Amino acid sequence: MAEISAKLVQELRQKTGAGMMDCKKALKETNGNVEEAIDWLRKKGIASAGKKSDRIAAEGLVETFVQPGGKVGVLIEVNCQTDFVARNDAFKALVKNLAQQAATADSLESLLAQPYIEDNSVTVDEFIKQSIANLGENIQVRRFVNFAIQDTPGVVDSYIHTGGRVGVLVEVSSKSEAPTTNEEFQALARNSAMQVAACPNVEYVSVDNIPAEVVQKEKDIEMGKEDLANKPENIREKIVQGRIEKRLKEMTLLDQPYIRDQSISVEELVKQVKAKVGEDVTVSRFVRYILGEGIEKQESNFAEEVAAQMGAK
């Protein structure tokens, strides 16, 4: 039997709109042949028409869940087709439940296979299909990430911005558990998440975290700029170095002016908290989701849609 890769499952899912588990089963039944898998799904009635499932889902919500105590946190994006459904209470409840269930999932596949939190008689995947039927729109769990603090003391916190369109999950670490109940320490975690949400160019915690290939790429870009073409090599190197240092700082959390006090940087804020709690404090990692980021939205003409619908009647 051919190996069923995640890429192959995703390809079939995009073509049919069927659930991940159904796509994987179809590929297994057809020895990895995508076209035969499509026919298999259609025969089973799973991709019979794709009336709802083939529609682009680029709206929806970004949601977070943090367990009491701040040791486990989740950031998740669930997509639907329109903002109207995204504001529906049933959709909001679904997303909140999925965020909570994702705390114990290690992949999208394992999340979809779990019994649904409010109805153990169906899986998450099956409940999503029911929701698609009830709400009349395609719904997809696009991605999620979970942080679980195990060996290093610290806390996880999150922040949701602009009504669920931007979400951030952040982990702040310490040397011992003592500071984790300190209000200043906990506030640092929350404020760091807010900072990341407010700074879309920030991709790394510090300059030290930026991969060497990213630094080299920035250097190549600067070295190739026309305004440096006639500069002597030694002068050009100095100018490029200055520009790169500025650019790299724009990409890092610790080098940003603190949103609540522009007179200090986030790094200085961390140092203040460190002094107050009496031990080392570190912003360890973060993830930011922007709703629909990277999804190619389908452009439509409302007048043409109406005309097409009238003509079909």
Protein backbone atom coordinates (compact mmCIF):
# COMPACT_ATOMS: atom_id res chain seq x y z
CA MET A 1 0.00 0.00 0.00
CA ALA A 2 1.28 3.46 -0.90
CA GLU A 3 2.22 5.74 1.95
CA ILE A 4 -0.55 8.25 2.64
CA SER A 5 1.21 11.54 3.35
CA ALA A 6 -0.31 14.56 5.05
CA LYS A 7 0.27 16.51 1.81
CA LEU A 8 -1.80 14.00 -0.15
CA VAL A 9 -4.60 14.14 2.41
CA GLN A 10 -4.58 17.96 2.25
CA GLU A 11 -4.72 17.88 -1.57
CA LEU A 12 -7.76 15.62 -1.52
CA ARG A 13 -9.36 17.72 1.19
CA GLN A 14 -8.94 20.87 -0.89
CA LYS A 15 -10.43 19.21 -3.96
CA THR A 16 -13.44 17.68 -2.22
CA GLY A 17 -14.00 19.66 0.98
CA ALA A 18 -14.38 16.33 2.78
CA GLY A 19 -13.14 15.88 6.33
CA MET A 20 -9.56 14.88 7.03
CA MET A 21 -10.44 11.43 8.39
CA ASP A 22 -12.66 10.70 5.38
CA CYS A 23 -9.92 11.80 2.98
CA LYS A 24 -7.34 9.59 4.65
CA LYS A 25 -9.68 6.58 4.53
CA ALA A 26 -10.49 7.24 0.88
CA LEU A 27 -6.80 7.37 -0.04
CA LYS A 28 -6.13 4.14 1.83
CA GLU A 29 -8.99 2.45 0.00
CA THR A 30 -7.66 3.64 -3.38
CA ASN A 31 -3.94 3.07 -2.72
CA GLY A 32 -3.17 6.78 -2.73
CA ASN A 33 -4.81 7.62 -6.07
CA VAL A 34 -6.39 11.06 -5.64
CA GLU A 35 -8.79 10.85 -8.59
CA GLU A 36 -10.06 7.43 -7.51
CA ALA A 37 -10.33 8.72 -3.94
CA ILE A 38 -12.58 11.54 -5.17
CA ASP A 39 -14.84 8.97 -6.84
CA TRP A 40 -14.80 6.85 -3.67
CA LEU A 41 -15.90 9.81 -1.58
CA ARG A 42 -18.64 10.67 -4.05
CA LYS A 43 -19.92 7.11 -4.00
CA LYS A 44 -20.09 7.27 -0.20
CA GLY A 45 -22.00 10.53 -0.43
CA ILE A 46 -19.27 12.37 1.46
CA ALA A 47 -18.28 14.56 -1.48
CA SER A 48 -21.47 14.09 -3.44
CA ALA A 49 -21.64 17.65 -4.62
CA GLY A 50 -19.31 19.78 -2.56
CA LYS A 51 -21.99 22.46 -2.61
CA LYS A 52 -20.78 23.87 0.69
CA SER A 53 -17.41 22.18 1.11
CA ASP A 54 -15.81 23.59 -2.04
CA ARG A 55 -16.42 27.17 -1.02
CA ILE A 56 -13.41 29.11 0.19
CA ALA A 57 -13.46 29.53 3.96
CA ALA A 58 -11.44 32.66 4.75
CA GLU A 59 -13.52 34.22 7.51
CA GLY A 60 -14.01 32.79 10.98
CA LEU A 61 -12.34 33.25 14.35
CA VAL A 62 -8.99 33.00 16.05
CA GLU A 63 -9.49 31.78 19.64
CA THR A 64 -7.35 30.89 22.65
CA PHE A 65 -7.68 28.66 25.68
CA VAL A 66 -5.46 28.70 28.75
CA GLN A 67 -5.95 26.14 31.50
CA PRO A 68 -6.27 27.47 35.08
CA GLY A 69 -2.76 27.84 36.46
CA GLY A 70 -1.35 28.86 33.09
CA LYS A 71 0.58 25.66 32.36
CA VAL A 72 -1.19 24.76 29.11
CA GLY A 73 -2.41 27.09 26.39
CA VAL A 74 -3.90 26.81 22.90
CA LEU A 75 -4.16 29.11 19.90
CA ILE A 76 -6.52 27.98 17.14
CA GLU A 77 -7.97 29.29 13.88
CA VAL A 78 -11.31 27.98 12.60
CA ASN A 79 -12.56 29.26 9.26
CA CYS A 80 -15.99 29.74 7.76
CA GLN A 81 -17.09 31.61 4.63
CA THR A 82 -18.70 34.78 5.91
CA ASP A 83 -18.44 37.19 8.79
CA PHE A 84 -22.16 36.62 9.38
CA VAL A 85 -21.57 33.01 10.43
CA ALA A 86 -18.40 34.00 12.30
CA ARG A 87 -20.59 36.15 14.57
CA ASN A 88 -23.13 33.36 15.07
CA ASP A 89 -23.32 32.11 18.68
CA ALA A 90 -23.27 28.46 17.61
CA PHE A 91 -20.09 29.01 15.60
CA LYS A 92 -18.47 30.91 18.47
CA ALA A 93 -19.32 28.08 20.89
CA LEU A 94 -17.86 25.53 18.48
CA VAL A 95 -14.58 27.44 18.21
CA LYS A 96 -14.30 27.83 22.00
CA ASN A 97 -14.85 24.12 22.49
CA LEU A 98 -12.31 23.24 19.81
CA ALA A 99 -9.73 25.47 21.48
CA GLN A 100 -10.27 23.62 24.74
CA GLN A 101 -10.08 20.20 23.10
CA ALA A 102 -6.91 21.09 21.20
CA ALA A 103 -5.07 21.28 24.54
CA THR A 104 -4.69 17.48 24.45
CA ALA A 105 -4.24 17.04 20.68
CA ASP A 106 -0.88 16.60 18.98
CA SER A 107 -2.16 17.04 15.42
CA LEU A 108 -5.19 18.22 13.48
CA GLU A 109 -6.00 14.61 12.72
CA SER A 110 -6.03 13.63 16.40
CA LEU A 111 -8.21 16.64 17.25
CA LEU A 112 -10.80 15.70 14.64
CA ALA A 113 -10.86 12.11 15.90
CA GLN A 114 -11.64 13.08 19.52
CA PRO A 115 -15.16 12.66 20.93
CA TYR A 116 -16.78 16.10 20.83
CA ILE A 117 -16.74 17.77 24.23
CA GLU A 118 -20.50 18.43 24.34
CA ASP A 119 -21.63 15.21 22.67
CA ASN A 120 -19.47 12.12 23.17
CA SER A 121 -21.58 10.14 20.71
CA VAL A 122 -19.92 11.94 17.78
CA THR A 123 -16.35 12.89 16.92
CA VAL A 124 -15.17 16.46 16.45
CA ASP A 125 -15.07 15.83 12.70
CA GLU A 126 -18.66 14.58 12.68
CA PHE A 127 -19.89 17.51 14.77
CA ILE A 128 -18.22 19.95 12.37
CA LYS A 129 -20.08 18.28 9.50
CA GLN A 130 -23.33 18.73 11.43
CA SER A 131 -22.45 22.39 11.96
CA ILE A 132 -21.81 22.81 8.23
CA ALA A 133 -25.29 21.46 7.55
CA ASN A 134 -26.91 23.63 10.23
CA LEU A 135 -25.12 26.89 9.42
CA GLY A 136 -25.01 26.41 5.66
CA GLU A 137 -21.34 27.20 5.23
CA ASN A 138 -18.06 25.40 4.91
CA ILE A 139 -16.21 25.20 8.25
CA GLN A 140 -12.59 24.11 8.60
CA VAL A 141 -10.15 23.87 11.48
CA ARG A 142 -7.22 25.47 9.72
CA ARG A 143 -4.47 25.26 12.35
CA PHE A 144 -3.69 25.23 16.03
CA VAL A 145 -0.72 25.21 18.36
CA ASN A 146 -0.52 24.26 22.03
CA PHE A 147 2.08 25.19 24.63
CA ALA A 148 2.59 22.89 27.62
CA ILE A 149 5.03 23.87 30.35
CA GLN A 150 6.62 20.76 31.83
CA ASP A 151 10.28 21.02 32.79
CA THR A 152 10.76 24.80 33.01
CA PRO A 153 8.80 26.95 35.51
CA GLY A 154 6.68 29.64 33.92
CA VAL A 155 3.24 30.59 32.64
CA VAL A 156 1.36 30.63 29.35
CA ASP A 157 -0.98 33.49 28.51
CA SER A 158 -2.83 34.76 25.47
CA TYR A 159 -4.46 37.76 23.87
CA ILE A 160 -7.23 38.11 21.29
CA HIS A 161 -7.43 41.35 19.30
CA THR A 162 -10.02 42.92 16.97
CA GLY A 163 -12.87 40.54 17.71
CA GLY A 164 -11.06 37.30 17.05
CA ARG A 165 -9.10 38.35 13.96
CA VAL A 166 -5.69 38.31 15.64
CA GLY A 167 -4.57 35.98 18.42
CA VAL A 168 -1.31 35.45 20.28
CA LEU A 169 -0.05 32.72 22.60
CA VAL A 170 3.05 33.44 24.69
CA GLU A 171 5.19 31.63 27.26
CA VAL A 172 7.21 33.41 29.95
CA SER A 173 9.73 31.37 31.95
CA SER A 174 11.50 31.75 35.29
CA LYS A 175 14.13 29.88 37.30
CA SER A 176 11.65 28.61 39.91
CA GLU A 177 7.90 28.36 40.44
CA ALA A 178 7.90 31.15 43.04
CA PRO A 179 7.44 34.09 40.61
CA THR A 180 4.68 32.40 38.60
CA THR A 181 2.01 33.53 41.06
CA ASN A 182 3.42 37.08 41.20
CA GLU A 183 1.12 39.69 39.63
CA GLU A 184 4.01 41.48 37.89
CA PHE A 185 5.18 38.21 36.35
CA GLN A 186 1.70 37.27 35.16
CA ALA A 187 1.14 40.77 33.78
CA LEU A 188 4.36 40.45 31.77
CA ALA A 189 2.98 37.38 30.04
CA ARG A 190 -0.30 39.09 29.17
CA ASN A 191 1.37 42.35 28.09
CA SER A 192 3.89 40.47 25.97
CA ALA A 193 1.01 38.80 24.13
CA MET A 194 -0.63 42.20 23.57
CA GLN A 195 2.69 43.57 22.30
CA VAL A 196 3.04 40.81 19.72
CA ALA A 197 -0.54 41.39 18.53
CA ALA A 198 0.22 45.10 18.09
CA CYS A 199 3.48 44.52 16.17
CA PRO A 200 2.82 42.51 12.99
CA ASN A 201 6.46 42.73 11.87
CA VAL A 202 7.70 40.99 15.01
CA GLU A 203 8.64 37.38 14.27
CA TYR A 204 11.24 36.49 16.93
CA VAL A 205 11.78 37.06 20.63
CA SER A 206 15.32 38.43 20.26
CA VAL A 207 17.98 38.99 17.60
CA ASP A 208 19.75 35.86 18.85
CA ASN A 209 16.73 33.81 17.77
CA ILE A 210 16.86 34.96 14.14
CA PRO A 211 18.20 32.16 11.88
CA ALA A 212 21.49 32.82 10.10
CA GLU A 213 19.87 32.39 6.68
CA VAL A 214 17.37 35.17 7.46
CA VAL A 215 20.20 37.50 8.47
CA GLN A 216 22.11 36.64 5.29
CA LYS A 217 19.04 37.26 3.15
CA GLU A 218 18.59 40.73 4.68
CA LYS A 219 22.27 41.45 4.07
CA ASP A 220 22.02 40.37 0.42
CA ILE A 221 19.03 42.64 -0.08
CA GLU A 222 20.80 45.63 1.41
CA MET A 223 24.05 44.98 -0.46
CA GLY A 224 22.14 44.93 -3.74
CA LYS A 225 20.38 48.28 -3.28
CA GLU A 226 21.15 50.84 -5.98
CA ASP A 227 21.97 53.70 -3.61
CA LEU A 228 25.08 51.80 -2.51
CA ALA A 229 26.33 50.85 -5.96
CA ASN A 230 28.95 53.62 -6.19
CA LYS A 231 30.10 53.48 -2.57
CA PRO A 232 33.55 52.12 -1.67
CA GLU A 233 33.41 48.55 -0.35
CA ASN A 234 34.38 49.47 3.24
CA ILE A 235 31.80 52.28 3.39
CA ARG A 236 29.13 50.07 1.89
CA GLU A 237 29.78 47.37 4.50
CA LYS A 238 29.33 49.87 7.35
CA ILE A 239 26.10 51.26 5.89
CA VAL A 240 24.73 47.78 5.30
CA GLN A 241 25.62 46.69 8.83
CA GLY A 242 23.74 49.65 10.29
CA ARG A 243 20.69 48.98 8.14
CA ILE A 244 20.69 45.28 8.99
CA GLU A 245 20.89 45.96 12.72
CA LYS A 246 17.90 48.27 12.42
CA ARG A 247 15.95 45.76 10.33
CA LEU A 248 16.62 42.86 12.69
CA LYS A 249 15.46 44.90 15.68
CA GLU A 250 12.21 45.61 13.85
CA MET A 251 11.67 41.83 13.73
CA THR A 252 12.23 41.16 17.44
CA LEU A 253 9.89 41.50 20.42
CA LEU A 254 12.45 42.61 23.00
CA ASP A 255 13.59 45.56 20.87
CA GLN A 256 10.12 47.07 20.48
CA PRO A 257 9.01 50.19 22.39
CA TYR A 258 6.65 48.93 25.09
CA ILE A 259 3.06 49.72 24.05
CA ARG A 260 2.04 50.85 27.55
CA ASP A 261 5.12 53.02 28.06
CA GLN A 262 6.95 54.12 24.91
CA SER A 263 9.88 55.42 26.96
CA ILE A 264 11.13 51.87 27.56
CA SER A 265 11.62 48.78 25.42
CA VAL A 266 10.09 45.38 26.07
CA GLU A 267 13.57 44.19 27.06
CA GLU A 268 13.75 46.91 29.72
CA LEU A 269 10.29 45.90 30.93
CA VAL A 270 11.51 42.31 31.34
CA LYS A 271 14.48 43.58 33.36
CA GLN A 272 12.13 45.56 35.63
CA VAL A 273 10.03 42.47 36.30
CA LYS A 274 13.20 40.46 36.89
CA ALA A 275 14.28 42.95 39.57
CA LYS A 276 10.86 42.85 41.24
CA VAL A 277 10.58 39.05 41.43
CA GLY A 278 14.22 38.57 42.35
CA GLU A 279 15.23 36.05 39.70
CA ASP A 280 15.78 35.61 35.97
CA VAL A 281 12.72 36.06 33.73
CA THR A 282 12.55 35.18 30.02
CA VAL A 283 9.99 35.51 27.26
CA SER A 284 10.55 32.04 25.84
CA ARG A 285 8.35 31.86 22.75
CA PHE A 286 5.21 33.13 21.07
CA VAL A 287 2.91 32.35 18.15
CA ARG A 288 0.63 34.84 16.39
CA TYR A 289 -2.29 33.93 14.11
CA ILE A 290 -3.93 36.46 11.82
CA LEU A 291 -7.34 35.32 10.56
CA GLY A 292 -7.26 34.19 6.94
CA GLU A 293 -3.56 34.91 6.59
CA GLY A 294 -2.27 33.27 3.41
CA ILE A 295 -5.72 32.17 2.21
CA GLU A 296 -6.51 33.32 -1.31
CA LYS A 297 -9.96 34.83 -1.01
CA GLN A 298 -12.38 34.36 -3.86
CA GLU A 299 -13.32 37.63 -5.52
CA SER A 300 -16.97 37.85 -6.48
CA ASN A 301 -19.25 40.38 -8.14
CA PHE A 302 -22.48 40.75 -6.20
CA ALA A 303 -24.50 41.88 -9.24
CA GLU A 304 -23.27 38.93 -11.29
CA GLU A 305 -24.10 36.53 -8.45
CA VAL A 306 -27.67 37.87 -8.25
CA ALA A 307 -28.07 37.68 -12.03
CA ALA A 308 -26.77 34.11 -12.06
CA GLN A 309 -29.16 33.11 -9.29
CA MET A 310 -32.12 34.76 -11.08
CA GLY A 311 -31.19 33.02 -14.30
CA ALA A 312 -31.04 29.67 -12.54
CA LYS A 313 -34.63 29.93 -11.34
